[in-house]
């Protein structure tokens, strides 16, 4: 069974490495977030965070969580969300967001890749983008656990809920079958409403 897991790990890493992020880099929907990332980088120059902080990263639910620090006390937090974030743009900016910070754990909530628009990603594309984002995080945080909050049901996503459910299932399946690629601690929690 260990041989099968090792082969699965190598195959998963190969597929992640081959995933064409370059296809996203120059898209206008990615470039519009550059000012938000620059704001994070400016915060990194003026704010300091303890090495045991938990990073909360993702879209508007993270950005608008005004009581995050109080809610997570006594844990220290690093809040890195921006409204409308998608896995496709977060994957492009991940190194700039994650690598400056030592952190004890990462909590991810990014839920805008499947909204019922022409720019929607397929469930498989969402899975690959998540794995790419995870790979980038692992470069600078090889042993910090990652907590993925499932894409949650909302009225705006209800018409595409089957695709969202499939994307959630693919990410969970990736964890269940290949625990090592997802987290060094073999732990990945899936929260949903």
C-alpha atoms as a PDB file:
ATOM      1  CA  UNK A   1       0.000   0.000   0.000  1.00  0.00           C
ATOM      2  CA  UNK A   2       2.898   2.388   0.686  1.00  0.00           C
ATOM      3  CA  UNK A   3       4.208   1.864  -2.862  1.00  0.00           C
ATOM      4  CA  UNK A   4       0.797   2.820  -4.264  1.00  0.00           C
ATOM      5  CA  UNK A   5       0.732   5.987  -2.131  1.00  0.00           C
ATOM      6  CA  UNK A   6       4.243   6.918  -3.253  1.00  0.00           C
ATOM      7  CA  UNK A   7       3.311   6.426  -6.903  1.00  0.00           C
ATOM      8  CA  UNK A   8       0.125   8.458  -6.362  1.00  0.00           C
ATOM      9  CA  UNK A   9       2.160  11.221  -4.727  1.00  0.00           C
ATOM     10  CA  UNK A  10       4.637  11.373  -7.605  1.00  0.00           C
ATOM     11  CA  UNK A  11       1.804  11.369 -10.162  1.00  0.00           C
ATOM     12  CA  UNK A  12      -0.093  14.106  -8.311  1.00  0.00           C
ATOM     13  CA  UNK A  13       3.010  16.302  -8.041  1.00  0.00           C
ATOM     14  CA  UNK A  14       3.770  15.760 -11.726  1.00  0.00           C
ATOM     15  CA  UNK A  15       0.257  16.813 -12.719  1.00  0.00           C
ATOM     16  CA  UNK A  16       0.423  19.860 -10.469  1.00  0.00           C
ATOM     17  CA  UNK A  17       3.779  20.857 -11.928  1.00  0.00           C
ATOM     18  CA  UNK A  18       2.385  20.575 -15.438  1.00  0.00           C
ATOM     19  CA  UNK A  19      -0.735  22.612 -14.718  1.00  0.00           C
ATOM     20  CA  UNK A  20      -0.501  25.692 -16.938  1.00  0.00           C
ATOM     21  CA  UNK A  21      -0.757  28.626 -14.518  1.00  0.00           C
ATOM     22  CA  UNK A  22       0.866  30.702 -17.223  1.00  0.00           C
ATOM     23  CA  UNK A  23      -2.501  30.589 -19.021  1.00  0.00           C
ATOM     24  CA  UNK A  24      -3.937  32.716 -16.205  1.00  0.00           C
ATOM     25  CA  UNK A  25      -1.103  35.183 -15.551  1.00  0.00           C
ATOM     26  CA  UNK A  26      -2.038  37.749 -18.180  1.00  0.00           C
ATOM     27  CA  UNK A  27      -5.816  37.534 -17.931  1.00  0.00           C
ATOM     28  CA  UNK A  28      -7.506  40.854 -17.063  1.00  0.00           C
ATOM     29  CA  UNK A  29      -9.493  39.049 -14.323  1.00  0.00           C
ATOM     30  CA  UNK A  30      -6.157  38.224 -12.654  1.00  0.00           C
ATOM     31  CA  UNK A  31      -4.368  41.521 -13.235  1.00  0.00           C
ATOM     32  CA  UNK A  32      -7.127  43.542 -11.566  1.00  0.00           C
ATOM     33  CA  UNK A  33      -6.035  42.126  -8.198  1.00  0.00           C
ATOM     34  CA  UNK A  34      -2.470  43.475  -8.380  1.00  0.00           C
ATOM     35  CA  UNK A  35      -3.359  46.565  -6.244  1.00  0.00           C
ATOM     36  CA  UNK A  36      -4.781  44.294  -3.525  1.00  0.00           C
ATOM     37  CA  UNK A  37      -1.605  42.222  -3.472  1.00  0.00           C
ATOM     38  CA  UNK A  38       0.511  45.387  -3.275  1.00  0.00           C
ATOM     39  CA  UNK A  39      -1.585  46.417  -0.225  1.00  0.00           C
ATOM     40  CA  UNK A  40      -0.713  43.071   1.409  1.00  0.00           C
ATOM     41  CA  UNK A  41       2.965  43.627   0.606  1.00  0.00           C
ATOM     42  CA  UNK A  42       2.806  47.113   2.135  1.00  0.00           C
ATOM     43  CA  UNK A  43       1.174  45.649   5.252  1.00  0.00           C
ATOM     44  CA  UNK A  44       4.021  43.135   5.410  1.00  0.00           C
ATOM     45  CA  UNK A  45       6.460  46.055   5.611  1.00  0.00           C
ATOM     46  CA  UNK A  46       4.633  47.823   8.438  1.00  0.00           C
ATOM     47  CA  UNK A  47       3.027  45.013  10.451  1.00  0.00           C
ATOM     48  CA  UNK A  48       4.753  42.177  12.228  1.00  0.00           C
ATOM     49  CA  UNK A  49       3.159  38.866  13.037  1.00  0.00           C
ATOM     50  CA  UNK A  50       4.300  36.231  15.513  1.00  0.00           C
ATOM     51  CA  UNK A  51       5.569  32.962  14.100  1.00  0.00           C
ATOM     52  CA  UNK A  52       2.675  31.072  15.675  1.00  0.00           C
ATOM     53  CA  UNK A  53       0.021  33.092  13.814  1.00  0.00           C
ATOM     54  CA  UNK A  54      -2.690  31.365  11.799  1.00  0.00           C
ATOM     55  CA  UNK A  55      -3.132  32.751   8.293  1.00  0.00           C
ATOM     56  CA  UNK A  56      -6.700  33.167   7.062  1.00  0.00           C
ATOM     57  CA  UNK A  57      -6.645  33.532   3.290  1.00  0.00           C
ATOM     58  CA  UNK A  58      -9.288  33.787   0.619  1.00  0.00           C
ATOM     59  CA  UNK A  59     -12.120  35.882  -0.647  1.00  0.00           C
ATOM     60  CA  UNK A  60     -14.501  38.469   0.806  1.00  0.00           C
ATOM     61  CA  UNK A  61     -15.674  36.258   3.676  1.00  0.00           C
ATOM     62  CA  UNK A  62     -12.107  36.448   5.002  1.00  0.00           C
ATOM     63  CA  UNK A  63     -11.605  40.124   4.109  1.00  0.00           C
ATOM     64  CA  UNK A  64     -14.889  41.240   5.686  1.00  0.00           C
ATOM     65  CA  UNK A  65     -14.450  39.204   8.881  1.00  0.00           C
ATOM     66  CA  UNK A  66     -13.907  42.309  10.995  1.00  0.00           C
ATOM     67  CA  UNK A  67     -13.803  40.415  14.300  1.00  0.00           C
ATOM     68  CA  UNK A  68     -11.425  37.666  13.149  1.00  0.00           C
ATOM     69  CA  UNK A  69      -8.654  38.560  15.613  1.00  0.00           C
ATOM     70  CA  UNK A  70     -11.096  38.679  18.537  1.00  0.00           C
ATOM     71  CA  UNK A  71     -12.905  35.512  17.424  1.00  0.00           C
ATOM     72  CA  UNK A  72      -9.676  33.525  17.155  1.00  0.00           C
ATOM     73  CA  UNK A  73      -8.084  34.769  20.393  1.00  0.00           C
ATOM     74  CA  UNK A  74      -5.840  33.629  21.950  1.00  0.00           C
ATOM     75  CA  UNK A  75      -4.443  32.679  18.529  1.00  0.00           C
ATOM     76  CA  UNK A  76      -2.721  35.394  16.521  1.00  0.00           C
ATOM     77  CA  UNK A  77      -4.014  35.818  12.980  1.00  0.00           C
ATOM     78  CA  UNK A  78      -2.856  37.092   9.621  1.00  0.00           C
ATOM     79  CA  UNK A  79      -5.841  38.161   7.513  1.00  0.00           C
ATOM     80  CA  UNK A  80      -5.269  37.925   3.751  1.00  0.00           C
ATOM     81  CA  UNK A  81      -8.595  38.056   1.951  1.00  0.00           C
ATOM     82  CA  UNK A  82      -9.812  40.192  -0.913  1.00  0.00           C
ATOM     83  CA  UNK A  83     -13.307  40.479  -2.335  1.00  0.00           C
ATOM     84  CA  UNK A  84     -13.970  38.294  -5.347  1.00  0.00           C
ATOM     85  CA  UNK A  85     -10.825  36.184  -4.967  1.00  0.00           C
ATOM     86  CA  UNK A  86     -10.721  33.028  -7.051  1.00  0.00           C
ATOM     87  CA  UNK A  87      -8.345  30.098  -6.871  1.00  0.00           C
ATOM     88  CA  UNK A  88      -7.065  31.130 -10.306  1.00  0.00           C
ATOM     89  CA  UNK A  89      -5.816  34.531  -9.123  1.00  0.00           C
ATOM     90  CA  UNK A  90      -4.836  33.350  -5.652  1.00  0.00           C
ATOM     91  CA  UNK A  91      -2.653  30.680  -7.270  1.00  0.00           C
ATOM     92  CA  UNK A  92      -0.862  33.382  -9.266  1.00  0.00           C
ATOM     93  CA  UNK A  93      -0.260  35.561  -6.196  1.00  0.00           C
ATOM     94  CA  UNK A  94       0.189  32.775  -3.621  1.00  0.00           C
ATOM     95  CA  UNK A  95       3.949  33.064  -3.235  1.00  0.00           C
ATOM     96  CA  UNK A  96       3.704  36.820  -2.634  1.00  0.00           C
ATOM     97  CA  UNK A  97       0.945  36.272  -0.065  1.00  0.00           C
ATOM     98  CA  UNK A  98       2.254  33.222   1.802  1.00  0.00           C
ATOM     99  CA  UNK A  99       6.052  33.255   1.748  1.00  0.00           C
ATOM    100  CA  UNK A 100       6.663  36.437   3.800  1.00  0.00           C
ATOM    101  CA  UNK A 101       4.969  34.911   6.838  1.00  0.00           C
ATOM    102  CA  UNK A 102       5.938  32.145   9.175  1.00  0.00           C
ATOM    103  CA  UNK A 103       2.621  30.722  10.267  1.00  0.00           C
ATOM    104  CA  UNK A 104       1.387  27.860  12.379  1.00  0.00           C
ATOM    105  CA  UNK A 105      -1.490  26.973  10.002  1.00  0.00           C
ATOM    106  CA  UNK A 106      -3.401  28.135   6.942  1.00  0.00           C
ATOM    107  CA  UNK A 107      -7.186  28.431   6.739  1.00  0.00           C
ATOM    108  CA  UNK A 108      -8.427  28.807   3.137  1.00  0.00           C
ATOM    109  CA  UNK A 109     -11.846  29.910   1.949  1.00  0.00           C
ATOM    110  CA  UNK A 110     -12.027  30.769  -1.753  1.00  0.00           C
ATOM    111  CA  UNK A 111     -15.452  30.303  -3.255  1.00  0.00           C
ATOM    112  CA  UNK A 112     -15.788  32.324  -6.468  1.00  0.00           C
ATOM    113  CA  UNK A 113     -14.484  30.028  -9.212  1.00  0.00           C
ATOM    114  CA  UNK A 114     -17.899  28.548 -10.024  1.00  0.00           C
ATOM    115  CA  UNK A 115     -20.607  31.209 -10.005  1.00  0.00           C
ATOM    116  CA  UNK A 116     -22.658  30.501 -13.128  1.00  0.00           C
ATOM    117  CA  UNK A 117     -20.712  32.874 -15.405  1.00  0.00           C
ATOM    118  CA  UNK A 118     -18.833  32.315 -18.679  1.00  0.00           C
ATOM    119  CA  UNK A 119     -15.532  32.612 -16.744  1.00  0.00           C
ATOM    120  CA  UNK A 120     -16.374  29.647 -14.480  1.00  0.00           C
ATOM    121  CA  UNK A 121     -13.762  26.988 -13.916  1.00  0.00           C
ATOM    122  CA  UNK A 122     -14.635  23.322 -14.246  1.00  0.00           C
ATOM    123  CA  UNK A 123     -14.639  21.256 -11.039  1.00  0.00           C
ATOM    124  CA  UNK A 124     -11.451  19.543 -12.239  1.00  0.00           C
ATOM    125  CA  UNK A 125      -9.813  22.916 -12.881  1.00  0.00           C
ATOM    126  CA  UNK A 126     -10.786  24.021  -9.353  1.00  0.00           C
ATOM    127  CA  UNK A 127      -9.123  20.887  -7.961  1.00  0.00           C
ATOM    128  CA  UNK A 128      -5.932  21.532  -9.918  1.00  0.00           C
ATOM    129  CA  UNK A 129      -5.832  25.186  -8.870  1.00  0.00           C
ATOM    130  CA  UNK A 130      -6.290  24.198  -5.228  1.00  0.00           C
ATOM    131  CA  UNK A 131      -3.427  21.691  -5.501  1.00  0.00           C
ATOM    132  CA  UNK A 132      -1.230  24.291  -7.157  1.00  0.00           C
ATOM    133  CA  UNK A 133      -1.995  26.777  -4.395  1.00  0.00           C
ATOM    134  CA  UNK A 134      -1.174  24.108  -1.839  1.00  0.00           C
ATOM    135  CA  UNK A 135       2.100  23.295  -3.596  1.00  0.00           C
ATOM    136  CA  UNK A 136       3.100  26.963  -3.413  1.00  0.00           C
ATOM    137  CA  UNK A 137       2.235  27.148   0.287  1.00  0.00           C
ATOM    138  CA  UNK A 138       4.265  23.994   0.960  1.00  0.00           C
ATOM    139  CA  UNK A 139       7.418  25.617  -0.484  1.00  0.00           C
ATOM    140  CA  UNK A 140       7.616  28.058   2.413  1.00  0.00           C
ATOM    141  CA  UNK A 141       5.531  26.149   4.988  1.00  0.00           C
ATOM    142  CA  UNK A 142       6.354  22.446   4.666  1.00  0.00           C
ATOM    143  CA  UNK A 143       4.796  21.341   7.944  1.00  0.00           C
ATOM    144  CA  UNK A 144       1.961  23.795   8.653  1.00  0.00           C
ATOM    145  CA  UNK A 145      -1.499  22.210   8.505  1.00  0.00           C
ATOM    146  CA  UNK A 146      -3.958  23.477   5.915  1.00  0.00           C
ATOM    147  CA  UNK A 147      -7.654  23.802   6.616  1.00  0.00           C
ATOM    148  CA  UNK A 148      -9.862  24.065   3.522  1.00  0.00           C
ATOM    149  CA  UNK A 149     -13.353  25.454   4.045  1.00  0.00           C
ATOM    150  CA  UNK A 150     -15.598  23.948   1.389  1.00  0.00           C
ATOM    151  CA  UNK A 151     -17.325  26.152  -1.134  1.00  0.00           C
ATOM    152  CA  UNK A 152     -20.624  26.828   0.578  1.00  0.00           C
ATOM    153  CA  UNK A 153     -24.149  27.045  -0.825  1.00  0.00           C
ATOM    154  CA  UNK A 154     -25.476  30.515  -1.565  1.00  0.00           C
ATOM    155  CA  UNK A 155     -28.458  31.675  -3.574  1.00  0.00           C
ATOM    156  CA  UNK A 156     -26.134  33.103  -6.246  1.00  0.00           C
ATOM    157  CA  UNK A 157     -24.483  29.688  -6.731  1.00  0.00           C
ATOM    158  CA  UNK A 158     -27.570  27.507  -6.461  1.00  0.00           C
ATOM    159  CA  UNK A 159     -27.954  26.995 -10.225  1.00  0.00           C
ATOM    160  CA  UNK A 160     -24.401  25.627 -10.415  1.00  0.00           C
ATOM    161  CA  UNK A 161     -24.524  23.694  -7.169  1.00  0.00           C
ATOM    162  CA  UNK A 162     -23.895  20.322  -8.880  1.00  0.00           C
ATOM    163  CA  UNK A 163     -20.574  21.645 -10.267  1.00  0.00           C
ATOM    164  CA  UNK A 164     -19.657  23.213  -6.897  1.00  0.00           C
ATOM    165  CA  UNK A 165     -20.436  19.944  -5.116  1.00  0.00           C
ATOM    166  CA  UNK A 166     -18.261  18.069  -7.603  1.00  0.00           C
ATOM    167  CA  UNK A 167     -15.371  20.521  -7.041  1.00  0.00           C
ATOM    168  CA  UNK A 168     -15.698  20.085  -3.255  1.00  0.00           C
ATOM    169  CA  UNK A 169     -15.829  16.304  -3.692  1.00  0.00           C
ATOM    170  CA  UNK A 170     -12.722  16.283  -5.918  1.00  0.00           C
ATOM    171  CA  UNK A 171     -10.707  18.252  -3.361  1.00  0.00           C
ATOM    172  CA  UNK A 172     -11.896  16.028  -0.532  1.00  0.00           C
ATOM    173  CA  UNK A 173     -11.148  12.914  -2.598  1.00  0.00           C
ATOM    174  CA  UNK A 174      -7.628  14.242  -3.233  1.00  0.00           C
ATOM    175  CA  UNK A 175      -7.141  14.469   0.496  1.00  0.00           C
ATOM    176  CA  UNK A 176      -8.671  11.076   1.221  1.00  0.00           C
ATOM    177  CA  UNK A 177      -6.582   9.274  -1.422  1.00  0.00           C
ATOM    178  CA  UNK A 178      -3.322  11.246  -1.207  1.00  0.00           C
ATOM    179  CA  UNK A 179      -3.026  12.614   2.295  1.00  0.00           C
ATOM    180  CA  UNK A 180       0.656  13.444   1.986  1.00  0.00           C
ATOM    181  CA  UNK A 181       0.328  15.936  -0.900  1.00  0.00           C
ATOM    182  CA  UNK A 182      -2.380  17.919   0.865  1.00  0.00           C
ATOM    183  CA  UNK A 183      -0.885  18.409   4.294  1.00  0.00           C
ATOM    184  CA  UNK A 184       2.313  17.443   5.976  1.00  0.00           C
ATOM    185  CA  UNK A 185       0.369  16.561   9.096  1.00  0.00           C
ATOM    186  CA  UNK A 186      -2.004  14.311   7.133  1.00  0.00           C
ATOM    187  CA  UNK A 187      -4.841  16.529   8.299  1.00  0.00           C
ATOM    188  CA  UNK A 188      -7.149  18.586   6.183  1.00  0.00           C
ATOM    189  CA  UNK A 189     -10.471  19.648   7.580  1.00  0.00           C
ATOM    190  CA  UNK A 190     -13.455  20.314   5.392  1.00  0.00           C
ATOM    191  CA  UNK A 191     -15.947  22.697   6.907  1.00  0.00           C
ATOM    192  CA  UNK A 192     -19.289  23.335   5.301  1.00  0.00           C
ATOM    193  CA  UNK A 193     -22.564  24.924   6.328  1.00  0.00           C
END
